[in-house]
């Protein structure tokens, strides 16, 4: 389906939780956030219903995000239910990698196609500092587990302060080349102030060709990451929320004062 600016909308990013097992400097306060009540977070059956309604409207690419999606209990069952829906041609998940070693094989068996893993540095000390306590060895084991399980491609998301020529970014690039991984450099974003750029190695941030909608953890369809527009599937109904999001998708991003990366999925 096309929006008012003749962009074909075929990509739905689904945040399944606002919880995360890291406290990255650019994403979450050290003390964490006020978490959503469990009764506000979409049940897996509701998420599946959204995908089923989205497919006839032209969506064929699905990505599961968080927060950190692997902290939600039974995530592999959600993957299995979505993978079984006819018309899902591209099915991915974004993770910080900490739990990937134990989940990679289950995710593949459930029908996941590919995975993105966040890794901003390969320096263990720096990684612990940026993530406020994360253990990079768990991420590296997760990457190896993803390889063994057959997830392909494996993409690394590396957040940079100013440039992909920064020391940490260059080291991540070298690591990815050695490990035959794809790397994307994402400049730090600021929702409230509308700071974003095009992702290096990806298409995110390119408003002219934006093909995506987002489903927040509490059931709002957002047509743009950098905009306050959102359409509640529980009040409008799924199809109407999707149609309004597509029809009213803005030409370009501005600011988002309603959401956090933890509940919208980035």
C-alpha atoms as a PDB file:
ATOM      1  CA  UNK A   1       0.000   0.000   0.000  1.00  0.00           C
ATOM      2  CA  UNK A   2       1.218   3.516  -0.770  1.00  0.00           C
ATOM      3  CA  UNK A   3       1.095   6.563   1.481  1.00  0.00           C
ATOM      4  CA  UNK A   4       0.229  10.095   0.346  1.00  0.00           C
ATOM      5  CA  UNK A   5       3.814  10.647  -0.834  1.00  0.00           C
ATOM      6  CA  UNK A   6       3.826   7.535  -3.058  1.00  0.00           C
ATOM      7  CA  UNK A   7       6.063   5.559  -0.731  1.00  0.00           C
ATOM      8  CA  UNK A   8       5.233   1.852  -0.645  1.00  0.00           C
ATOM      9  CA  UNK A   9       4.727   0.817   2.992  1.00  0.00           C
ATOM     10  CA  UNK A  10       5.749  -2.815   3.461  1.00  0.00           C
ATOM     11  CA  UNK A  11       7.713  -2.902   6.730  1.00  0.00           C
ATOM     12  CA  UNK A  12       6.346  -3.244  10.282  1.00  0.00           C
ATOM     13  CA  UNK A  13       8.626  -3.002  13.309  1.00  0.00           C
ATOM     14  CA  UNK A  14       7.058  -4.502  16.433  1.00  0.00           C
ATOM     15  CA  UNK A  15       8.199  -3.626  19.960  1.00  0.00           C
ATOM     16  CA  UNK A  16       7.157  -6.485  22.256  1.00  0.00           C
ATOM     17  CA  UNK A  17       8.465  -5.087  25.556  1.00  0.00           C
ATOM     18  CA  UNK A  18       9.838  -1.941  27.158  1.00  0.00           C
ATOM     19  CA  UNK A  19      12.100  -4.017  29.428  1.00  0.00           C
ATOM     20  CA  UNK A  20      15.852  -4.303  28.843  1.00  0.00           C
ATOM     21  CA  UNK A  21      18.739  -6.024  30.615  1.00  0.00           C
ATOM     22  CA  UNK A  22      21.163  -3.182  29.804  1.00  0.00           C
ATOM     23  CA  UNK A  23      21.211   0.532  30.625  1.00  0.00           C
ATOM     24  CA  UNK A  24      23.033   1.978  27.614  1.00  0.00           C
ATOM     25  CA  UNK A  25      24.094   5.611  28.067  1.00  0.00           C
ATOM     26  CA  UNK A  26      22.223   6.875  24.996  1.00  0.00           C
ATOM     27  CA  UNK A  27      19.041   4.883  25.540  1.00  0.00           C
ATOM     28  CA  UNK A  28      18.038   4.608  29.191  1.00  0.00           C
ATOM     29  CA  UNK A  29      18.751   6.319  32.531  1.00  0.00           C
ATOM     30  CA  UNK A  30      20.978   4.413  34.928  1.00  0.00           C
ATOM     31  CA  UNK A  31      18.055   3.880  37.299  1.00  0.00           C
ATOM     32  CA  UNK A  32      15.889   2.541  34.485  1.00  0.00           C
ATOM     33  CA  UNK A  33      12.470   3.815  33.446  1.00  0.00           C
ATOM     34  CA  UNK A  34       8.908   3.709  34.729  1.00  0.00           C
ATOM     35  CA  UNK A  35       7.932   0.408  33.164  1.00  0.00           C
ATOM     36  CA  UNK A  36       4.585  -0.197  31.538  1.00  0.00           C
ATOM     37  CA  UNK A  37       2.073  -2.226  33.519  1.00  0.00           C
ATOM     38  CA  UNK A  38       1.829  -5.756  32.188  1.00  0.00           C
ATOM     39  CA  UNK A  39      -1.847  -5.316  31.342  1.00  0.00           C
ATOM     40  CA  UNK A  40      -0.941  -2.482  28.968  1.00  0.00           C
ATOM     41  CA  UNK A  41       1.629  -4.471  26.999  1.00  0.00           C
ATOM     42  CA  UNK A  42       0.201  -6.294  23.995  1.00  0.00           C
ATOM     43  CA  UNK A  43      -0.397 -10.000  24.399  1.00  0.00           C
ATOM     44  CA  UNK A  44       1.242 -12.225  21.803  1.00  0.00           C
ATOM     45  CA  UNK A  45      -2.176 -13.041  20.339  1.00  0.00           C
ATOM     46  CA  UNK A  46      -2.833  -9.328  19.805  1.00  0.00           C
ATOM     47  CA  UNK A  47       0.509  -8.923  18.037  1.00  0.00           C
ATOM     48  CA  UNK A  48      -0.269 -11.859  15.755  1.00  0.00           C
ATOM     49  CA  UNK A  49      -3.635 -10.305  14.942  1.00  0.00           C
ATOM     50  CA  UNK A  50      -1.888  -7.066  13.933  1.00  0.00           C
ATOM     51  CA  UNK A  51       0.420  -8.942  11.557  1.00  0.00           C
ATOM     52  CA  UNK A  52      -2.528 -10.798  10.041  1.00  0.00           C
ATOM     53  CA  UNK A  53      -4.306  -7.493   9.379  1.00  0.00           C
ATOM     54  CA  UNK A  54      -1.135  -5.833   8.052  1.00  0.00           C
ATOM     55  CA  UNK A  55      -0.277  -8.458   5.433  1.00  0.00           C
ATOM     56  CA  UNK A  56      -3.280  -7.732   3.141  1.00  0.00           C
ATOM     57  CA  UNK A  57      -2.364  -4.039   3.282  1.00  0.00           C
ATOM     58  CA  UNK A  58       1.044  -4.757   1.748  1.00  0.00           C
ATOM     59  CA  UNK A  59       3.267  -5.474   4.764  1.00  0.00           C
ATOM     60  CA  UNK A  60       5.634  -8.371   4.074  1.00  0.00           C
ATOM     61  CA  UNK A  61       8.627  -7.458   6.233  1.00  0.00           C
ATOM     62  CA  UNK A  62       8.458  -7.851  10.032  1.00  0.00           C
ATOM     63  CA  UNK A  63      11.062  -7.026  12.671  1.00  0.00           C
ATOM     64  CA  UNK A  64      10.756  -7.786  16.387  1.00  0.00           C
ATOM     65  CA  UNK A  65      12.318  -5.228  18.731  1.00  0.00           C
ATOM     66  CA  UNK A  66      12.085  -4.055  22.340  1.00  0.00           C
ATOM     67  CA  UNK A  67      13.428  -2.858  24.734  1.00  0.00           C
ATOM     68  CA  UNK A  68      15.275  -6.135  24.540  1.00  0.00           C
ATOM     69  CA  UNK A  69      12.900  -8.670  22.973  1.00  0.00           C
ATOM     70  CA  UNK A  70      14.671 -11.753  24.323  1.00  0.00           C
ATOM     71  CA  UNK A  71      13.846 -10.807  27.923  1.00  0.00           C
ATOM     72  CA  UNK A  72      10.155 -11.422  27.253  1.00  0.00           C
ATOM     73  CA  UNK A  73       9.122 -14.924  28.258  1.00  0.00           C
ATOM     74  CA  UNK A  74       8.169 -17.249  25.429  1.00  0.00           C
ATOM     75  CA  UNK A  75       9.422 -15.018  22.634  1.00  0.00           C
ATOM     76  CA  UNK A  76      10.173 -18.083  20.510  1.00  0.00           C
ATOM     77  CA  UNK A  77       6.459 -18.948  20.513  1.00  0.00           C
ATOM     78  CA  UNK A  78       5.621 -15.499  19.137  1.00  0.00           C
ATOM     79  CA  UNK A  79       8.255 -16.003  16.434  1.00  0.00           C
ATOM     80  CA  UNK A  80       6.690 -19.328  15.529  1.00  0.00           C
ATOM     81  CA  UNK A  81       3.185 -17.848  15.279  1.00  0.00           C
ATOM     82  CA  UNK A  82       4.291 -14.959  13.074  1.00  0.00           C
ATOM     83  CA  UNK A  83       6.481 -17.137  10.859  1.00  0.00           C
ATOM     84  CA  UNK A  84       3.449 -19.310  10.123  1.00  0.00           C
ATOM     85  CA  UNK A  85       1.462 -16.383   8.693  1.00  0.00           C
ATOM     86  CA  UNK A  86       1.372 -16.498   4.862  1.00  0.00           C
ATOM     87  CA  UNK A  87       2.918 -13.389   3.334  1.00  0.00           C
ATOM     88  CA  UNK A  88       5.706 -12.793   5.876  1.00  0.00           C
ATOM     89  CA  UNK A  89       8.663 -12.852   3.498  1.00  0.00           C
ATOM     90  CA  UNK A  90      11.336 -11.111   5.574  1.00  0.00           C
ATOM     91  CA  UNK A  91      11.389 -11.786   9.312  1.00  0.00           C
ATOM     92  CA  UNK A  92      14.073 -10.355  11.606  1.00  0.00           C
ATOM     93  CA  UNK A  93      14.800  -9.465  15.206  1.00  0.00           C
ATOM     94  CA  UNK A  94      17.034  -6.868  16.844  1.00  0.00           C
ATOM     95  CA  UNK A  95      18.795  -7.781  20.088  1.00  0.00           C
ATOM     96  CA  UNK A  96      21.651  -6.646  22.301  1.00  0.00           C
ATOM     97  CA  UNK A  97      22.930 -10.216  22.130  1.00  0.00           C
ATOM     98  CA  UNK A  98      23.256 -10.967  25.835  1.00  0.00           C
ATOM     99  CA  UNK A  99      20.731 -13.826  25.728  1.00  0.00           C
ATOM    100  CA  UNK A 100      21.332 -14.860  22.140  1.00  0.00           C
ATOM    101  CA  UNK A 101      23.535 -17.846  22.937  1.00  0.00           C
ATOM    102  CA  UNK A 102      20.608 -19.624  24.599  1.00  0.00           C
ATOM    103  CA  UNK A 103      17.999 -18.453  22.087  1.00  0.00           C
ATOM    104  CA  UNK A 104      19.628 -18.541  18.643  1.00  0.00           C
ATOM    105  CA  UNK A 105      18.781 -22.141  17.786  1.00  0.00           C
ATOM    106  CA  UNK A 106      15.236 -21.803  19.158  1.00  0.00           C
ATOM    107  CA  UNK A 107      14.672 -18.680  17.065  1.00  0.00           C
ATOM    108  CA  UNK A 108      15.758 -20.402  13.867  1.00  0.00           C
ATOM    109  CA  UNK A 109      13.659 -23.479  14.642  1.00  0.00           C
ATOM    110  CA  UNK A 110      10.699 -21.153  15.208  1.00  0.00           C
ATOM    111  CA  UNK A 111      11.117 -19.541  11.788  1.00  0.00           C
ATOM    112  CA  UNK A 112      13.205 -16.389  12.246  1.00  0.00           C
ATOM    113  CA  UNK A 113      15.157 -15.444   9.111  1.00  0.00           C
ATOM    114  CA  UNK A 114      17.822 -13.013  10.286  1.00  0.00           C
ATOM    115  CA  UNK A 115      19.084 -10.935  13.162  1.00  0.00           C
ATOM    116  CA  UNK A 116      20.613  -7.568  14.045  1.00  0.00           C
ATOM    117  CA  UNK A 117      22.897  -7.344  17.063  1.00  0.00           C
ATOM    118  CA  UNK A 118      23.860  -4.121  18.819  1.00  0.00           C
ATOM    119  CA  UNK A 119      27.606  -3.705  19.354  1.00  0.00           C
ATOM    120  CA  UNK A 120      29.106  -0.236  19.759  1.00  0.00           C
ATOM    121  CA  UNK A 121      32.633  -1.267  20.717  1.00  0.00           C
ATOM    122  CA  UNK A 122      34.713  -4.430  20.981  1.00  0.00           C
ATOM    123  CA  UNK A 123      36.680  -3.107  23.954  1.00  0.00           C
ATOM    124  CA  UNK A 124      35.357  -5.043  27.006  1.00  0.00           C
ATOM    125  CA  UNK A 125      35.993  -2.137  29.390  1.00  0.00           C
ATOM    126  CA  UNK A 126      34.363   0.401  27.089  1.00  0.00           C
ATOM    127  CA  UNK A 127      31.458  -1.942  26.438  1.00  0.00           C
ATOM    128  CA  UNK A 128      30.815  -2.297  30.161  1.00  0.00           C
ATOM    129  CA  UNK A 129      30.956   1.484  30.505  1.00  0.00           C
ATOM    130  CA  UNK A 130      28.613   2.268  27.581  1.00  0.00           C
ATOM    131  CA  UNK A 131      26.078  -0.390  28.596  1.00  0.00           C
ATOM    132  CA  UNK A 132      26.452   0.234  32.342  1.00  0.00           C
ATOM    133  CA  UNK A 133      27.509  -3.271  33.275  1.00  0.00           C
ATOM    134  CA  UNK A 134      27.179  -5.427  30.162  1.00  0.00           C
ATOM    135  CA  UNK A 135      29.548  -8.333  29.513  1.00  0.00           C
ATOM    136  CA  UNK A 136      30.784  -8.316  25.913  1.00  0.00           C
ATOM    137  CA  UNK A 137      31.753 -11.996  26.136  1.00  0.00           C
ATOM    138  CA  UNK A 138      28.059 -12.876  26.258  1.00  0.00           C
ATOM    139  CA  UNK A 139      27.484 -10.909  23.059  1.00  0.00           C
ATOM    140  CA  UNK A 140      30.408 -12.569  21.276  1.00  0.00           C
ATOM    141  CA  UNK A 141      29.102 -16.001  22.286  1.00  0.00           C
ATOM    142  CA  UNK A 142      25.696 -14.942  21.006  1.00  0.00           C
ATOM    143  CA  UNK A 143      27.165 -13.992  17.630  1.00  0.00           C
ATOM    144  CA  UNK A 144      28.826 -17.386  17.344  1.00  0.00           C
ATOM    145  CA  UNK A 145      25.588 -19.113  18.310  1.00  0.00           C
ATOM    146  CA  UNK A 146      23.719 -17.139  15.633  1.00  0.00           C
ATOM    147  CA  UNK A 147      26.265 -18.276  13.053  1.00  0.00           C
ATOM    148  CA  UNK A 148      25.946 -21.915  14.090  1.00  0.00           C
ATOM    149  CA  UNK A 149      22.162 -21.704  14.010  1.00  0.00           C
ATOM    150  CA  UNK A 150      22.220 -20.424  10.432  1.00  0.00           C
ATOM    151  CA  UNK A 151      20.816 -16.937  10.889  1.00  0.00           C
ATOM    152  CA  UNK A 152      21.755 -15.040   7.734  1.00  0.00           C
ATOM    153  CA  UNK A 153      22.636 -12.292   7.353  1.00  0.00           C
ATOM    154  CA  UNK A 154      23.879 -11.250  10.777  1.00  0.00           C
ATOM    155  CA  UNK A 155      24.000  -7.478  10.939  1.00  0.00           C
ATOM    156  CA  UNK A 156      25.810  -5.472  13.595  1.00  0.00           C
ATOM    157  CA  UNK A 157      24.274  -2.168  14.678  1.00  0.00           C
ATOM    158  CA  UNK A 158      26.995   0.186  15.878  1.00  0.00           C
ATOM    159  CA  UNK A 159      25.964   3.515  17.403  1.00  0.00           C
ATOM    160  CA  UNK A 160      28.495   6.301  16.851  1.00  0.00           C
ATOM    161  CA  UNK A 161      28.794   9.720  18.439  1.00  0.00           C
ATOM    162  CA  UNK A 162      29.842  11.687  15.363  1.00  0.00           C
ATOM    163  CA  UNK A 163      31.420   9.497  12.715  1.00  0.00           C
ATOM    164  CA  UNK A 164      32.048   5.940  11.580  1.00  0.00           C
ATOM    165  CA  UNK A 165      35.732   6.909  11.565  1.00  0.00           C
ATOM    166  CA  UNK A 166      35.830   6.997  15.359  1.00  0.00           C
ATOM    167  CA  UNK A 167      38.202   4.520  17.000  1.00  0.00           C
ATOM    168  CA  UNK A 168      35.505   2.218  18.359  1.00  0.00           C
ATOM    169  CA  UNK A 169      33.602   2.241  15.070  1.00  0.00           C
ATOM    170  CA  UNK A 170      36.722   1.370  13.077  1.00  0.00           C
ATOM    171  CA  UNK A 171      37.441  -1.524  15.437  1.00  0.00           C
ATOM    172  CA  UNK A 172      33.882  -2.795  15.091  1.00  0.00           C
ATOM    173  CA  UNK A 173      34.198  -2.585  11.295  1.00  0.00           C
ATOM    174  CA  UNK A 174      37.421  -4.621  11.371  1.00  0.00           C
ATOM    175  CA  UNK A 175      35.802  -7.190  13.658  1.00  0.00           C
ATOM    176  CA  UNK A 176      32.839  -7.526  11.298  1.00  0.00           C
ATOM    177  CA  UNK A 177      35.093  -7.961   8.275  1.00  0.00           C
ATOM    178  CA  UNK A 178      37.028 -10.713  10.077  1.00  0.00           C
ATOM    179  CA  UNK A 179      33.837 -12.455  11.192  1.00  0.00           C
ATOM    180  CA  UNK A 180      31.978 -12.012   7.876  1.00  0.00           C
ATOM    181  CA  UNK A 181      29.270  -9.886   9.465  1.00  0.00           C
ATOM    182  CA  UNK A 182      27.494  -6.893   7.971  1.00  0.00           C
ATOM    183  CA  UNK A 183      27.845  -3.609   9.851  1.00  0.00           C
ATOM    184  CA  UNK A 184      25.617  -0.531   9.995  1.00  0.00           C
ATOM    185  CA  UNK A 185      26.605   2.711  11.698  1.00  0.00           C
ATOM    186  CA  UNK A 186      23.806   4.582  13.437  1.00  0.00           C
ATOM    187  CA  UNK A 187      24.436   8.133  14.570  1.00  0.00           C
ATOM    188  CA  UNK A 188      23.072   8.924  18.005  1.00  0.00           C
ATOM    189  CA  UNK A 189      19.465  10.025  17.779  1.00  0.00           C
ATOM    190  CA  UNK A 190      17.444  12.392  19.938  1.00  0.00           C
ATOM    191  CA  UNK A 191      13.689  11.908  19.705  1.00  0.00           C
ATOM    192  CA  UNK A 192      12.690  15.070  21.544  1.00  0.00           C
ATOM    193  CA  UNK A 193      14.982  17.353  19.564  1.00  0.00           C
ATOM    194  CA  UNK A 194      14.526  15.627  16.229  1.00  0.00           C
ATOM    195  CA  UNK A 195      18.162  14.673  15.701  1.00  0.00           C
ATOM    196  CA  UNK A 196      18.620  11.846  13.189  1.00  0.00           C
ATOM    197  CA  UNK A 197      20.594  11.035  10.057  1.00  0.00           C
ATOM    198  CA  UNK A 198      20.584   8.290   7.443  1.00  0.00           C
ATOM    199  CA  UNK A 199      22.043   5.029   8.740  1.00  0.00           C
ATOM    200  CA  UNK A 200      25.372   4.185   7.128  1.00  0.00           C
ATOM    201  CA  UNK A 201      24.935   0.786   5.512  1.00  0.00           C
ATOM    202  CA  UNK A 202      21.153   0.883   5.889  1.00  0.00           C
ATOM    203  CA  UNK A 203      18.069   2.851   4.898  1.00  0.00           C
ATOM    204  CA  UNK A 204      16.857   4.109   8.266  1.00  0.00           C
ATOM    205  CA  UNK A 205      16.643   7.886   8.530  1.00  0.00           C
ATOM    206  CA  UNK A 206      15.982   8.391   4.804  1.00  0.00           C
ATOM    207  CA  UNK A 207      12.538   9.992   4.935  1.00  0.00           C
ATOM    208  CA  UNK A 208      12.135  10.134   1.164  1.00  0.00           C
ATOM    209  CA  UNK A 209      12.097   6.348   0.920  1.00  0.00           C
ATOM    210  CA  UNK A 210      10.718   5.406   4.337  1.00  0.00           C
ATOM    211  CA  UNK A 211       8.650   2.231   4.033  1.00  0.00           C
ATOM    212  CA  UNK A 212       7.949   1.468   7.682  1.00  0.00           C
ATOM    213  CA  UNK A 213       5.367   1.587  10.415  1.00  0.00           C
ATOM    214  CA  UNK A 214       5.981   0.861  14.079  1.00  0.00           C
ATOM    215  CA  UNK A 215       3.870  -0.936  16.656  1.00  0.00           C
ATOM    216  CA  UNK A 216       4.701   0.115  20.211  1.00  0.00           C
ATOM    217  CA  UNK A 217       4.695  -2.301  23.121  1.00  0.00           C
ATOM    218  CA  UNK A 218       1.372  -0.884  24.351  1.00  0.00           C
ATOM    219  CA  UNK A 219      -0.418  -1.113  21.013  1.00  0.00           C
ATOM    220  CA  UNK A 220       0.036   2.179  19.175  1.00  0.00           C
ATOM    221  CA  UNK A 221       0.751   2.209  15.454  1.00  0.00           C
ATOM    222  CA  UNK A 222       3.253   4.962  14.687  1.00  0.00           C
ATOM    223  CA  UNK A 223       3.802   6.096  11.108  1.00  0.00           C
ATOM    224  CA  UNK A 224       7.096   7.823  11.935  1.00  0.00           C
ATOM    225  CA  UNK A 225       9.734   7.446  14.641  1.00  0.00           C
ATOM    226  CA  UNK A 226      10.236  11.214  14.810  1.00  0.00           C
ATOM    227  CA  UNK A 227       6.619  12.272  15.135  1.00  0.00           C
ATOM    228  CA  UNK A 228       3.969  12.248  17.877  1.00  0.00           C
ATOM    229  CA  UNK A 229       1.295  10.692  15.662  1.00  0.00           C
ATOM    230  CA  UNK A 230       0.081   7.322  16.921  1.00  0.00           C
ATOM    231  CA  UNK A 231      -3.061   5.248  16.435  1.00  0.00           C
ATOM    232  CA  UNK A 232      -4.283   2.903  19.156  1.00  0.00           C
ATOM    233  CA  UNK A 233      -5.279  -0.542  17.891  1.00  0.00           C
ATOM    234  CA  UNK A 234      -7.375  -1.172  20.997  1.00  0.00           C
ATOM    235  CA  UNK A 235      -9.600   1.872  20.507  1.00  0.00           C
ATOM    236  CA  UNK A 236      -9.635   2.247  16.727  1.00  0.00           C
ATOM    237  CA  UNK A 237      -9.359  -1.402  15.800  1.00  0.00           C
ATOM    238  CA  UNK A 238      -6.309  -2.867  14.100  1.00  0.00           C
ATOM    239  CA  UNK A 239      -7.201  -2.265  10.465  1.00  0.00           C
ATOM    240  CA  UNK A 240      -8.355   1.314  11.026  1.00  0.00           C
ATOM    241  CA  UNK A 241      -5.225   2.129  13.047  1.00  0.00           C
ATOM    242  CA  UNK A 242      -3.040   0.764  10.253  1.00  0.00           C
ATOM    243  CA  UNK A 243      -4.948   2.616   7.539  1.00  0.00           C
ATOM    244  CA  UNK A 244      -4.802   5.925   9.392  1.00  0.00           C
ATOM    245  CA  UNK A 245      -1.074   5.493  10.068  1.00  0.00           C
ATOM    246  CA  UNK A 246      -0.397   4.885   6.376  1.00  0.00           C
ATOM    247  CA  UNK A 247      -2.657   7.681   5.164  1.00  0.00           C
ATOM    248  CA  UNK A 248      -1.297  10.249   7.652  1.00  0.00           C
ATOM    249  CA  UNK A 249       2.367   9.224   7.503  1.00  0.00           C
ATOM    250  CA  UNK A 250       4.292  12.537   7.413  1.00  0.00           C
ATOM    251  CA  UNK A 251       6.609  13.451   4.579  1.00  0.00           C
ATOM    252  CA  UNK A 252       9.548  13.676   6.973  1.00  0.00           C
ATOM    253  CA  UNK A 253      10.406  13.322  10.628  1.00  0.00           C
ATOM    254  CA  UNK A 254      10.283  16.211  13.085  1.00  0.00           C
ATOM    255  CA  UNK A 255      10.222  15.443  16.820  1.00  0.00           C
ATOM    256  CA  UNK A 256       8.778  12.764  19.102  1.00  0.00           C
ATOM    257  CA  UNK A 257       7.842  13.930  22.608  1.00  0.00           C
ATOM    258  CA  UNK A 258       5.598  10.970  23.513  1.00  0.00           C
ATOM    259  CA  UNK A 259       7.859   7.935  23.283  1.00  0.00           C
ATOM    260  CA  UNK A 260      11.139   6.455  24.451  1.00  0.00           C
ATOM    261  CA  UNK A 261      13.361   4.112  22.490  1.00  0.00           C
ATOM    262  CA  UNK A 262      12.518   1.447  25.087  1.00  0.00           C
ATOM    263  CA  UNK A 263       8.850   1.193  24.106  1.00  0.00           C
ATOM    264  CA  UNK A 264       9.037   2.103  20.424  1.00  0.00           C
ATOM    265  CA  UNK A 265      11.977  -0.057  19.391  1.00  0.00           C
ATOM    266  CA  UNK A 266      14.079   2.481  17.479  1.00  0.00           C
END
